[in-house]
Amino acid sequence: MTIEFTCLSCTRTFAIPISDLFKTDYLSCICCGKPVPIDLINSLQHVCRSFSLDAENSTNESLWHIRFIEKD
């Protein structure tokens, strides 16, 4: 499973495997370098851990897409 991020500064989209999300404490846009807030990373780690406790043995091939939309 992967998580997809879209940077609102440059509109570049990138994805990382959930397993890599658990191993990181820093992410940034692959184009402009804008960092993903650490509190957002921590929250995503918590949510993904809840849904993928047995992801290693799972046969679910679906992708998770998370999009963040800034509203005025």
PDB file of N, CA and C in Angstrom:
ATOM      1  N   MET A   1       0.838  -1.177   0.000  1.00  0.00           N
ATOM      2  CA  MET A   1       0.000   0.000   0.000  1.00  0.00           C
ATOM      3  C   MET A   1       0.884   1.242   0.000  1.00  0.00           C
ATOM      4  N   THR A   2       0.411   2.267  -0.628  1.00  0.00           N
ATOM      5  CA  THR A   2       1.165   3.515  -0.704  1.00  0.00           C
ATOM      6  C   THR A   2       0.309   4.683  -0.232  1.00  0.00           C
ATOM      7  N   ILE A   3       0.981   5.750   0.126  1.00  0.00           N
ATOM      8  CA  ILE A   3       0.322   7.005   0.472  1.00  0.00           C
ATOM      9  C   ILE A   3       0.797   8.039  -0.526  1.00  0.00           C
ATOM     10  N   GLU A   4      -0.151   8.755  -1.088  1.00  0.00           N
ATOM     11  CA  GLU A   4       0.162   9.761  -2.100  1.00  0.00           C
ATOM     12  C   GLU A   4       0.023  11.159  -1.499  1.00  0.00           C
ATOM     13  N   PHE A   5       1.016  11.981  -1.750  1.00  0.00           N
ATOM     14  CA  PHE A   5       1.019  13.370  -1.288  1.00  0.00           C
ATOM     15  C   PHE A   5       1.059  14.286  -2.505  1.00  0.00           C
ATOM     16  N   THR A   6       0.335  15.388  -2.449  1.00  0.00           N
ATOM     17  CA  THR A   6       0.420  16.423  -3.476  1.00  0.00           C
ATOM     18  C   THR A   6       0.801  17.725  -2.797  1.00  0.00           C
ATOM     19  N   CYS A   7       1.910  18.309  -3.216  1.00  0.00           N
ATOM     20  CA  CYS A   7       2.382  19.581  -2.674  1.00  0.00           C
ATOM     21  C   CYS A   7       1.520  20.700  -3.251  1.00  0.00           C
ATOM     22  N   LEU A   8       0.945  21.510  -2.385  1.00  0.00           N
ATOM     23  CA  LEU A   8       0.095  22.598  -2.861  1.00  0.00           C
ATOM     24  C   LEU A   8       0.906  23.782  -3.353  1.00  0.00           C
ATOM     25  N   SER A   9       2.194  23.820  -3.046  1.00  0.00           N
ATOM     26  CA  SER A   9       3.044  24.917  -3.515  1.00  0.00           C
ATOM     27  C   SER A   9       3.389  24.767  -4.993  1.00  0.00           C
ATOM     28  N   CYS A  10       3.766  23.546  -5.386  1.00  0.00           N
ATOM     29  CA  CYS A  10       4.200  23.347  -6.773  1.00  0.00           C
ATOM     30  C   CYS A  10       3.330  22.343  -7.532  1.00  0.00           C
ATOM     31  N   THR A  11       2.330  21.779  -6.876  1.00  0.00           N
ATOM     32  CA  THR A  11       1.381  20.799  -7.415  1.00  0.00           C
ATOM     33  C   THR A  11       2.022  19.485  -7.852  1.00  0.00           C
ATOM     34  N   ARG A  12       3.192  19.178  -7.365  1.00  0.00           N
ATOM     35  CA  ARG A  12       3.855  17.905  -7.666  1.00  0.00           C
ATOM     36  C   ARG A  12       3.297  16.824  -6.742  1.00  0.00           C
ATOM     37  N   THR A  13       3.037  15.650  -7.274  1.00  0.00           N
ATOM     38  CA  THR A  13       2.528  14.530  -6.496  1.00  0.00           C
ATOM     39  C   THR A  13       3.606  13.463  -6.382  1.00  0.00           C
ATOM     40  N   PHE A  14       3.741  12.910  -5.179  1.00  0.00           N
ATOM     41  CA  PHE A  14       4.669  11.803  -4.970  1.00  0.00           C
ATOM     42  C   PHE A  14       4.030  10.807  -4.012  1.00  0.00           C
ATOM     43  N   ALA A  15       4.493   9.584  -4.055  1.00  0.00           N
ATOM     44  CA  ALA A  15       3.930   8.534  -3.209  1.00  0.00           C
ATOM     45  C   ALA A  15       5.049   7.768  -2.527  1.00  0.00           C
ATOM     46  N   ILE A  16       4.744   7.272  -1.333  1.00  0.00           N
ATOM     47  CA  ILE A  16       5.701   6.427  -0.622  1.00  0.00           C
ATOM     48  C   ILE A  16       4.963   5.203  -0.092  1.00  0.00           C
ATOM     49  N   PRO A  17       5.653   4.074   0.013  1.00  0.00           N
ATOM     50  CA  PRO A  17       5.039   2.894   0.620  1.00  0.00           C
ATOM     51  C   PRO A  17       4.780   3.142   2.106  1.00  0.00           C
ATOM     52  N   ILE A  18       3.708   2.574   2.613  1.00  0.00           N
ATOM     53  CA  ILE A  18       3.402   2.731   4.033  1.00  0.00           C
ATOM     54  C   ILE A  18       4.556   2.233   4.888  1.00  0.00           C
ATOM     55  N   SER A  19       5.204   1.158   4.480  1.00  0.00           N
ATOM     56  CA  SER A  19       6.321   0.627   5.273  1.00  0.00           C
ATOM     57  C   SER A  19       7.441   1.651   5.414  1.00  0.00           C
ATOM     58  N   ASP A  20       7.649   2.489   4.401  1.00  0.00           N
ATOM     59  CA  ASP A  20       8.664   3.541   4.498  1.00  0.00           C
ATOM     60  C   ASP A  20       8.209   4.683   5.396  1.00  0.00           C
ATOM     61  N   LEU A  21       6.908   4.913   5.468  1.00  0.00           N
ATOM     62  CA  LEU A  21       6.386   5.969   6.331  1.00  0.00           C
ATOM     63  C   LEU A  21       6.732   5.687   7.791  1.00  0.00           C
ATOM     64  N   PHE A  22       6.699   4.412   8.175  1.00  0.00           N
ATOM     65  CA  PHE A  22       7.010   4.050   9.557  1.00  0.00           C
ATOM     66  C   PHE A  22       8.482   4.266   9.888  1.00  0.00           C
ATOM     67  N   LYS A  23       9.332   4.304   8.884  1.00  0.00           N
ATOM     68  CA  LYS A  23      10.779   4.419   9.094  1.00  0.00           C
ATOM     69  C   LYS A  23      11.287   5.857   9.035  1.00  0.00           C
ATOM     70  N   THR A  24      10.411   6.807   8.783  1.00  0.00           N
ATOM     71  CA  THR A  24      10.868   8.176   8.572  1.00  0.00           C
ATOM     72  C   THR A  24      10.272   9.139   9.584  1.00  0.00           C
ATOM     73  N   ASP A  25      11.004  10.197   9.842  1.00  0.00           N
ATOM     74  CA  ASP A  25      10.467  11.282  10.655  1.00  0.00           C
ATOM     75  C   ASP A  25      10.563  12.604   9.891  1.00  0.00           C
ATOM     76  N   TYR A  26      10.894  12.514   8.580  1.00  0.00           N
ATOM     77  CA  TYR A  26      10.988  13.715   7.755  1.00  0.00           C
ATOM     78  C   TYR A  26      10.637  13.376   6.314  1.00  0.00           C
ATOM     79  N   LEU A  27       9.760  14.161   5.727  1.00  0.00           N
ATOM     80  CA  LEU A  27       9.416  14.044   4.309  1.00  0.00           C
ATOM     81  C   LEU A  27       9.376  15.443   3.724  1.00  0.00           C
ATOM     82  N   SER A  28       9.740  15.548   2.467  1.00  0.00           N
ATOM     83  CA  SER A  28       9.619  16.835   1.784  1.00  0.00           C
ATOM     84  C   SER A  28       9.246  16.591   0.330  1.00  0.00           C
ATOM     85  N   CYS A  29       8.721  17.615  -0.296  1.00  0.00           N
ATOM     86  CA  CYS A  29       8.339  17.548  -1.701  1.00  0.00           C
ATOM     87  C   CYS A  29       9.569  17.209  -2.539  1.00  0.00           C
ATOM     88  N   ILE A  30       9.405  16.308  -3.489  1.00  0.00           N
ATOM     89  CA  ILE A  30      10.534  15.908  -4.330  1.00  0.00           C
ATOM     90  C   ILE A  30      10.885  16.962  -5.366  1.00  0.00           C
ATOM     91  N   CYS A  31      10.020  17.974  -5.509  1.00  0.00           N
ATOM     92  CA  CYS A  31      10.272  19.022  -6.494  1.00  0.00           C
ATOM     93  C   CYS A  31      10.788  20.305  -5.840  1.00  0.00           C
ATOM     94  N   CYS A  32       9.998  20.884  -4.928  1.00  0.00           N
ATOM     95  CA  CYS A  32      10.370  22.186  -4.350  1.00  0.00           C
ATOM     96  C   CYS A  32      11.019  22.075  -2.975  1.00  0.00           C
ATOM     97  N   GLY A  33      10.973  20.890  -2.352  1.00  0.00           N
ATOM     98  CA  GLY A  33      11.622  20.696  -1.058  1.00  0.00           C
ATOM     99  C   GLY A  33      10.812  21.139   0.147  1.00  0.00           C
ATOM    100  N   LYS A  34       9.571  21.566  -0.056  1.00  0.00           N
ATOM    101  CA  LYS A  34       8.732  21.994   1.068  1.00  0.00           C
ATOM    102  C   LYS A  34       8.497  20.801   1.995  1.00  0.00           C
ATOM    103  N   PRO A  35       8.784  20.951   3.309  1.00  0.00           N
ATOM    104  CA  PRO A  35       8.636  19.814   4.224  1.00  0.00           C
ATOM    105  C   PRO A  35       7.178  19.508   4.559  1.00  0.00           C
ATOM    106  N   VAL A  36       6.899  18.224   4.756  1.00  0.00           N
ATOM    107  CA  VAL A  36       5.607  17.787   5.261  1.00  0.00           C
ATOM    108  C   VAL A  36       5.665  17.985   6.778  1.00  0.00           C
ATOM    109  N   PRO A  37       4.675  18.632   7.391  1.00  0.00           N
ATOM    110  CA  PRO A  37       4.716  18.871   8.839  1.00  0.00           C
ATOM    111  C   PRO A  37       4.855  17.570   9.635  1.00  0.00           C
ATOM    112  N   ILE A  38       5.716  17.589  10.647  1.00  0.00           N
ATOM    113  CA  ILE A  38       5.993  16.392  11.440  1.00  0.00           C
ATOM    114  C   ILE A  38       4.742  15.889  12.155  1.00  0.00           C
ATOM    115  N   ASP A  39       3.857  16.789  12.595  1.00  0.00           N
ATOM    116  CA  ASP A  39       2.635  16.333  13.259  1.00  0.00           C
ATOM    117  C   ASP A  39       1.717  15.591  12.289  1.00  0.00           C
ATOM    118  N   LEU A  40       1.755  15.957  11.017  1.00  0.00           N
ATOM    119  CA  LEU A  40       0.992  15.239  10.001  1.00  0.00           C
ATOM    120  C   LEU A  40       1.592  13.849   9.774  1.00  0.00           C
ATOM    121  N   ILE A  41       2.905  13.767   9.701  1.00  0.00           N
ATOM    122  CA  ILE A  41       3.571  12.466   9.539  1.00  0.00           C
ATOM    123  C   ILE A  41       3.229  11.556  10.712  1.00  0.00           C
ATOM    124  N   ASN A  42       3.318  12.077  11.935  1.00  0.00           N
ATOM    125  CA  ASN A  42       3.012  11.276  13.122  1.00  0.00           C
ATOM    126  C   ASN A  42       1.569  10.785  13.106  1.00  0.00           C
ATOM    127  N   SER A  43       0.643  11.639  12.708  1.00  0.00           N
ATOM    128  CA  SER A  43      -0.768  11.247  12.636  1.00  0.00           C
ATOM    129  C   SER A  43      -0.989  10.165  11.584  1.00  0.00           C
ATOM    130  N   LEU A  44      -0.358  10.326  10.428  1.00  0.00           N
ATOM    131  CA  LEU A  44      -0.480   9.310   9.373  1.00  0.00           C
ATOM    132  C   LEU A  44       0.109   7.979   9.815  1.00  0.00           C
ATOM    133  N   GLN A  45       1.238   8.015  10.514  1.00  0.00           N
ATOM    134  CA  GLN A  45       1.842   6.783  11.021  1.00  0.00           C
ATOM    135  C   GLN A  45       0.872   6.068  11.956  1.00  0.00           C
ATOM    136  N   HIS A  46       0.233   6.821  12.816  1.00  0.00           N
ATOM    137  CA  HIS A  46      -0.718   6.242  13.767  1.00  0.00           C
ATOM    138  C   HIS A  46      -1.908   5.612  13.040  1.00  0.00           C
ATOM    139  N   VAL A  47      -2.486   6.330  12.092  1.00  0.00           N
ATOM    140  CA  VAL A  47      -3.634   5.825  11.343  1.00  0.00           C
ATOM    141  C   VAL A  47      -3.251   4.604  10.511  1.00  0.00           C
ATOM    142  N   CYS A  48      -2.136   4.674   9.815  1.00  0.00           N
ATOM    143  CA  CYS A  48      -1.710   3.556   8.962  1.00  0.00           C
ATOM    144  C   CYS A  48      -1.380   2.323   9.784  1.00  0.00           C
ATOM    145  N   ARG A  49      -0.804   2.519  10.956  1.00  0.00           N
ATOM    146  CA  ARG A  49      -0.501   1.388  11.830  1.00  0.00           C
ATOM    147  C   ARG A  49      -1.798   0.689  12.232  1.00  0.00           C
ATOM    148  N   SER A  50      -2.844   1.458  12.464  1.00  0.00           N
ATOM    149  CA  SER A  50      -4.131   0.887  12.854  1.00  0.00           C
ATOM    150  C   SER A  50      -4.730   0.028  11.744  1.00  0.00           C
ATOM    151  N   PHE A  51      -4.531   0.430  10.493  1.00  0.00           N
ATOM    152  CA  PHE A  51      -5.117  -0.289   9.367  1.00  0.00           C
ATOM    153  C   PHE A  51      -4.214  -1.355   8.773  1.00  0.00           C
ATOM    154  N   SER A  52      -2.945  -1.361   9.138  1.00  0.00           N
ATOM    155  CA  SER A  52      -2.034  -2.318   8.507  1.00  0.00           C
ATOM    156  C   SER A  52      -1.215  -3.083   9.530  1.00  0.00           C
ATOM    157  N   LEU A  53      -1.843  -3.499  10.607  1.00  0.00           N
ATOM    158  CA  LEU A  53      -1.121  -4.239  11.634  1.00  0.00           C
ATOM    159  C   LEU A  53      -0.525  -5.523  11.079  1.00  0.00           C
ATOM    160  N   ASP A  54      -1.197  -6.108  10.103  1.00  0.00           N
ATOM    161  CA  ASP A  54      -0.700  -7.346   9.513  1.00  0.00           C
ATOM    162  C   ASP A  54      -0.463  -7.154   8.020  1.00  0.00           C
ATOM    163  N   ALA A  55       0.045  -5.997   7.636  1.00  0.00           N
ATOM    164  CA  ALA A  55       0.232  -5.666   6.219  1.00  0.00           C
ATOM    165  C   ALA A  55       1.217  -6.595   5.530  1.00  0.00           C
ATOM    166  N   GLU A  56       2.178  -7.125   6.274  1.00  0.00           N
ATOM    167  CA  GLU A  56       3.176  -8.018   5.681  1.00  0.00           C
ATOM    168  C   GLU A  56       2.507  -9.260   5.087  1.00  0.00           C
ATOM    169  N   ASN A  57       1.456  -9.747   5.750  1.00  0.00           N
ATOM    170  CA  ASN A  57       0.799 -10.978   5.318  1.00  0.00           C
ATOM    171  C   ASN A  57      -0.495 -10.722   4.560  1.00  0.00           C
ATOM    172  N   SER A  58      -0.796  -9.475   4.309  1.00  0.00           N
ATOM    173  CA  SER A  58      -2.045  -9.115   3.648  1.00  0.00           C
ATOM    174  C   SER A  58      -1.978  -9.384   2.149  1.00  0.00           C
ATOM    175  N   THR A  59      -3.101  -9.784   1.587  1.00  0.00           N
ATOM    176  CA  THR A  59      -3.171  -9.964   0.136  1.00  0.00           C
ATOM    177  C   THR A  59      -3.926  -8.810  -0.515  1.00  0.00           C
ATOM    178  N   ASN A  60      -4.277  -7.802   0.254  1.00  0.00           N
ATOM    179  CA  ASN A  60      -4.994  -6.641  -0.269  1.00  0.00           C
ATOM    180  C   ASN A  60      -4.047  -5.809  -1.126  1.00  0.00           C
ATOM    181  N   GLU A  61      -4.359  -5.671  -2.394  1.00  0.00           N
ATOM    182  CA  GLU A  61      -3.501  -4.933  -3.324  1.00  0.00           C
ATOM    183  C   GLU A  61      -3.984  -3.504  -3.556  1.00  0.00           C
ATOM    184  N   SER A  62      -4.984  -3.068  -2.796  1.00  0.00           N
ATOM    185  CA  SER A  62      -5.519  -1.725  -3.026  1.00  0.00           C
ATOM    186  C   SER A  62      -4.525  -0.660  -2.588  1.00  0.00           C
ATOM    187  N   LEU A  63      -4.659   0.503  -3.184  1.00  0.00           N
ATOM    188  CA  LEU A  63      -3.799   1.629  -2.843  1.00  0.00           C
ATOM    189  C   LEU A  63      -4.582   2.607  -1.991  1.00  0.00           C
ATOM    190  N   TRP A  64      -3.889   3.218  -1.081  1.00  0.00           N
ATOM    191  CA  TRP A  64      -4.479   4.288  -0.282  1.00  0.00           C
ATOM    192  C   TRP A  64      -4.032   5.595  -0.886  1.00  0.00           C
ATOM    193  N   HIS A  65      -4.959   6.478  -1.143  1.00  0.00           N
ATOM    194  CA  HIS A  65      -4.628   7.808  -1.649  1.00  0.00           C
ATOM    195  C   HIS A  65      -5.132   8.835  -0.646  1.00  0.00           C
ATOM    196  N   ILE A  66      -4.231   9.626  -0.121  1.00  0.00           N
ATOM    197  CA  ILE A  66      -4.595  10.671   0.822  1.00  0.00           C
ATOM    198  C   ILE A  66      -4.293  12.000   0.176  1.00  0.00           C
ATOM    199  N   ARG A  67      -5.300  12.837   0.071  1.00  0.00           N
ATOM    200  CA  ARG A  67      -5.104  14.156  -0.523  1.00  0.00           C
ATOM    201  C   ARG A  67      -5.466  15.207   0.512  1.00  0.00           C
ATOM    202  N   PHE A  68      -4.691  16.250   0.523  1.00  0.00           N
ATOM    203  CA  PHE A  68      -4.916  17.341   1.455  1.00  0.00           C
ATOM    204  C   PHE A  68      -5.343  18.554   0.656  1.00  0.00           C
ATOM    205  N   ILE A  69      -6.494  19.097   1.002  1.00  0.00           N
ATOM    206  CA  ILE A  69      -7.039  20.223   0.263  1.00  0.00           C
ATOM    207  C   ILE A  69      -7.171  21.398   1.217  1.00  0.00           C
ATOM    208  N   GLU A  70      -6.553  22.493   0.855  1.00  0.00           N
ATOM    209  CA  GLU A  70      -6.623  23.698   1.670  1.00  0.00           C
ATOM    210  C   GLU A  70      -7.883  24.463   1.314  1.00  0.00           C
ATOM    211  N   LYS A  71      -8.711  24.725   2.321  1.00  0.00           N
ATOM    212  CA  LYS A  71      -9.951  25.469   2.096  1.00  0.00           C
ATOM    213  C   LYS A  71      -9.820  26.840   2.722  1.00  0.00           C
ATOM    214  N   ASP A  72     -10.383  27.819   2.051  1.00  0.00           N
ATOM    215  CA  ASP A  72     -10.340  29.193   2.574  1.00  0.00           C
ATOM    216  C   ASP A  72     -11.355  29.409   3.667  1.00  0.00           C
TER     217      ASP A  72
END
